[in-house]
C-alpha atoms as a PDB file:
ATOM      1  CA  MET A   1      51.565  52.904 -15.424  1.00  0.00           C
ATOM      2  CA  SER A   2      47.717  53.108 -14.585  1.00  0.00           C
ATOM      3  CA  LYS A   3      46.149  52.477 -11.469  1.00  0.00           C
ATOM      4  CA  GLN A   4      43.766  50.050 -12.490  1.00  0.00           C
ATOM      5  CA  LEU A   5      44.822  46.313 -12.013  1.00  0.00           C
ATOM      6  CA  HIS A   6      43.078  45.065 -14.854  1.00  0.00           C
ATOM      7  CA  LYS A   7      44.751  47.298 -17.242  1.00  0.00           C
ATOM      8  CA  ASN A   8      48.202  46.334 -16.286  1.00  0.00           C
ATOM      9  CA  PHE A   9      47.922  42.609 -15.762  1.00  0.00           C
ATOM     10  CA  ILE A  10      46.033  39.573 -17.138  1.00  0.00           C
ATOM     11  CA  VAL A  11      44.104  37.486 -14.944  1.00  0.00           C
ATOM     12  CA  GLY A  12      46.587  34.413 -15.238  1.00  0.00           C
ATOM     13  CA  GLN A  13      49.436  36.699 -13.923  1.00  0.00           C
ATOM     14  CA  VAL A  14      47.427  37.685 -10.892  1.00  0.00           C
ATOM     15  CA  LYS A  15      46.177  34.153 -10.168  1.00  0.00           C
ATOM     16  CA  SER A  16      49.729  32.852 -10.431  1.00  0.00           C
ATOM     17  CA  LEU A  17      51.175  35.336  -7.975  1.00  0.00           C
ATOM     18  CA  LEU A  18      48.190  34.600  -5.709  1.00  0.00           C
ATOM     19  CA  LYS A  19      48.567  30.699  -5.868  1.00  0.00           C
ATOM     20  CA  SER A  20      52.233  31.081  -5.130  1.00  0.00           C
ATOM     21  CA  TYR A  21      51.485  33.308  -2.184  1.00  0.00           C
ATOM     22  CA  LEU A  22      49.084  30.608  -0.890  1.00  0.00           C
ATOM     23  CA  ASP A  23      51.696  27.824  -1.494  1.00  0.00           C
ATOM     24  CA  LYS A  24      54.085  29.937   0.384  1.00  0.00           C
ATOM     25  CA  LYS A  25      56.549  30.342  -2.459  1.00  0.00           C
ATOM     26  CA  ILE A  26      56.636  34.166  -2.522  1.00  0.00           C
ATOM     27  CA  LYS A  27      56.261  36.808   0.031  1.00  0.00           C
ATOM     28  CA  ILE A  28      53.396  39.230   0.438  1.00  0.00           C
ATOM     29  CA  SER A  29      55.839  42.199   0.038  1.00  0.00           C
ATOM     30  CA  TYR A  30      57.024  40.906  -3.329  1.00  0.00           C
ATOM     31  CA  ILE A  31      53.309  40.742  -4.596  1.00  0.00           C
ATOM     32  CA  LEU A  32      52.548  44.217  -3.312  1.00  0.00           C
ATOM     33  CA  GLN A  33      55.576  45.557  -5.081  1.00  0.00           C
ATOM     34  CA  MET A  34      54.654  43.697  -8.380  1.00  0.00           C
ATOM     35  CA  LEU A  35      51.001  44.629  -8.505  1.00  0.00           C
ATOM     36  CA  ARG A  36      51.598  48.066  -7.050  1.00  0.00           C
ATOM     37  CA  ILE A  37      48.396  47.720  -4.539  1.00  0.00           C
ATOM     38  CA  LYS A  38      48.199  48.090  -0.781  1.00  0.00           C
ATOM     39  CA  ARG A  39      47.703  45.340   1.687  1.00  0.00           C
ATOM     40  CA  SER A  40      43.968  45.832   2.016  1.00  0.00           C
ATOM     41  CA  ARG A  41      43.474  45.425  -1.819  1.00  0.00           C
ATOM     42  CA  PHE A  42      45.739  42.550  -1.593  1.00  0.00           C
ATOM     43  CA  PHE A  43      43.671  40.808   0.845  1.00  0.00           C
ATOM     44  CA  GLU A  44      40.298  41.572  -1.053  1.00  0.00           C
ATOM     45  CA  LEU A  45      41.769  39.850  -4.158  1.00  0.00           C
ATOM     46  CA  LEU A  46      42.966  36.997  -2.106  1.00  0.00           C
ATOM     47  CA  ALA A  47      39.567  36.326  -0.562  1.00  0.00           C
ATOM     48  CA  LYS A  48      37.917  36.667  -3.853  1.00  0.00           C
ATOM     49  CA  TYR A  49      40.507  34.050  -5.174  1.00  0.00           C
ATOM     50  CA  ARG A  50      39.871  31.730  -2.342  1.00  0.00           C
ATOM     51  CA  LYS A  51      36.176  31.850  -2.841  1.00  0.00           C
ATOM     52  CA  ASP A  52      36.377  30.715  -6.470  1.00  0.00           C
ATOM     53  CA  PRO A  53      39.709  30.158  -8.112  1.00  0.00           C
ATOM     54  CA  ASP A  54      38.422  29.053 -11.530  1.00  0.00           C
ATOM     55  CA  ASN A  55      36.241  32.004 -12.000  1.00  0.00           C
ATOM     56  CA  PHE A  56      38.376  34.558 -10.303  1.00  0.00           C
ATOM     57  CA  SER A  57      38.639  37.836 -12.511  1.00  0.00           C
ATOM     58  CA  ILE A  58      40.136  41.207 -12.087  1.00  0.00           C
ATOM     59  CA  GLN A  59      37.964  42.912 -14.373  1.00  0.00           C
ATOM     60  CA  TYR A  60      36.025  46.039 -13.219  1.00  0.00           C
ATOM     61  CA  GLU A  61      32.304  45.265 -12.667  1.00  0.00           C
ATOM     62  CA  ARG A  62      30.158  48.216 -12.614  1.00  0.00           C
ATOM     63  CA  LYS A  63      27.117  47.960 -10.187  1.00  0.00           C
ATOM     64  CA  THR A  64      25.226  50.926 -11.712  1.00  0.00           C
ATOM     65  CA  ILE A  65      24.896  52.272 -15.110  1.00  0.00           C
ATOM     66  CA  ASN A  66      27.036  55.611 -15.256  1.00  0.00           C
ATOM     67  CA  ARG A  67      25.483  57.273 -18.281  1.00  0.00           C
ATOM     68  CA  LYS A  68      21.701  57.107 -17.439  1.00  0.00           C
ATOM     69  CA  ILE A  69      19.768  60.213 -17.660  1.00  0.00           C
ATOM     70  CA  ASP A  70      16.542  60.737 -15.393  1.00  0.00           C
ATOM     71  CA  PRO A  71      13.632  59.694 -17.874  1.00  0.00           C
ATOM     72  CA  ASP A  72      11.812  63.370 -17.093  1.00  0.00           C
ATOM     73  CA  ILE A  73      15.042  65.078 -18.198  1.00  0.00           C
ATOM     74  CA  GLU A  74      15.607  62.934 -21.075  1.00  0.00           C
ATOM     75  CA  LYS A  75      11.852  63.570 -22.253  1.00  0.00           C
ATOM     76  CA  ASN A  76      12.612  67.477 -22.138  1.00  0.00           C
ATOM     77  CA  ILE A  77      15.867  66.821 -24.250  1.00  0.00           C
ATOM     78  CA  VAL A  78      14.169  64.869 -26.908  1.00  0.00           C
ATOM     79  CA  ASP A  79      11.048  66.815 -26.871  1.00  0.00           C
ATOM     80  CA  PRO A  80      11.514  70.270 -25.913  1.00  0.00           C
ATOM     81  CA  PRO A  81       8.632  72.372 -24.875  1.00  0.00           C
ATOM     82  CA  ARG A  82       7.346  74.373 -27.978  1.00  0.00           C
ATOM     83  CA  THR A  83       6.497  77.433 -26.081  1.00  0.00           C
ATOM     84  CA  SER A  84       9.842  78.323 -24.589  1.00  0.00           C
ATOM     85  CA  PRO A  85      11.861  81.461 -25.969  1.00  0.00           C
ATOM     86  CA  TRP A  86      14.793  78.891 -26.733  1.00  0.00           C
ATOM     87  CA  TYR A  87      12.660  76.885 -29.040  1.00  0.00           C
ATOM     88  CA  SER A  88      11.621  80.005 -31.176  1.00  0.00           C
ATOM     89  CA  ALA A  89      15.338  81.090 -31.183  1.00  0.00           C
ATOM     90  CA  LEU A  90      16.268  77.645 -32.578  1.00  0.00           C
ATOM     91  CA  ARG A  91      13.481  77.838 -35.188  1.00  0.00           C
ATOM     92  CA  VAL A  92      14.695  81.183 -36.374  1.00  0.00           C
ATOM     93  CA  ASN A  93      18.372  80.192 -36.510  1.00  0.00           C
ATOM     94  CA  LYS A  94      17.503  77.036 -38.318  1.00  0.00           C
ATOM     95  CA  ARG A  95      15.701  79.081 -41.141  1.00  0.00           C
ATOM     96  CA  ALA A  96      18.409  81.386 -41.435  1.00  0.00           C
ATOM     97  CA  THR A  97      20.800  78.531 -41.792  1.00  0.00           C
ATOM     98  CA  ASP A  98      18.661  76.741 -44.209  1.00  0.00           C
ATOM     99  CA  ARG A  99      18.535  80.086 -46.466  1.00  0.00           C
ATOM    100  CA  LYS A 100      22.135  80.350 -46.518  1.00  0.00           C
ATOM    101  CA  ARG A 101      22.352  76.796 -47.654  1.00  0.00           C
ATOM    102  CA  PHE A 102      20.007  77.020 -50.616  1.00  0.00           C
ATOM    103  CA  ASN A 103      21.029  80.289 -51.918  1.00  0.00           C
END
């Protein structure tokens, strides 16, 4: 079973467990065992649930973009300098490939 809560449970299941805990119907040890989380994570979820039960979500929310390339680096990737030895090697290799394709 994966470690991410949002991949193992739907929001309704977690909401139901938290509501039952707040109504004192079930114990914390049962919830920790069911969700396979630690006490600190449980209390984070509980605080989030108490703040806004209707909009409570367990979906992962990324705070930063993880696949962003620095603009200076991206410029070099998209438009490589034409004077580098690598560029001339690529040009020669491309010509050889084109000859094979058309012959």
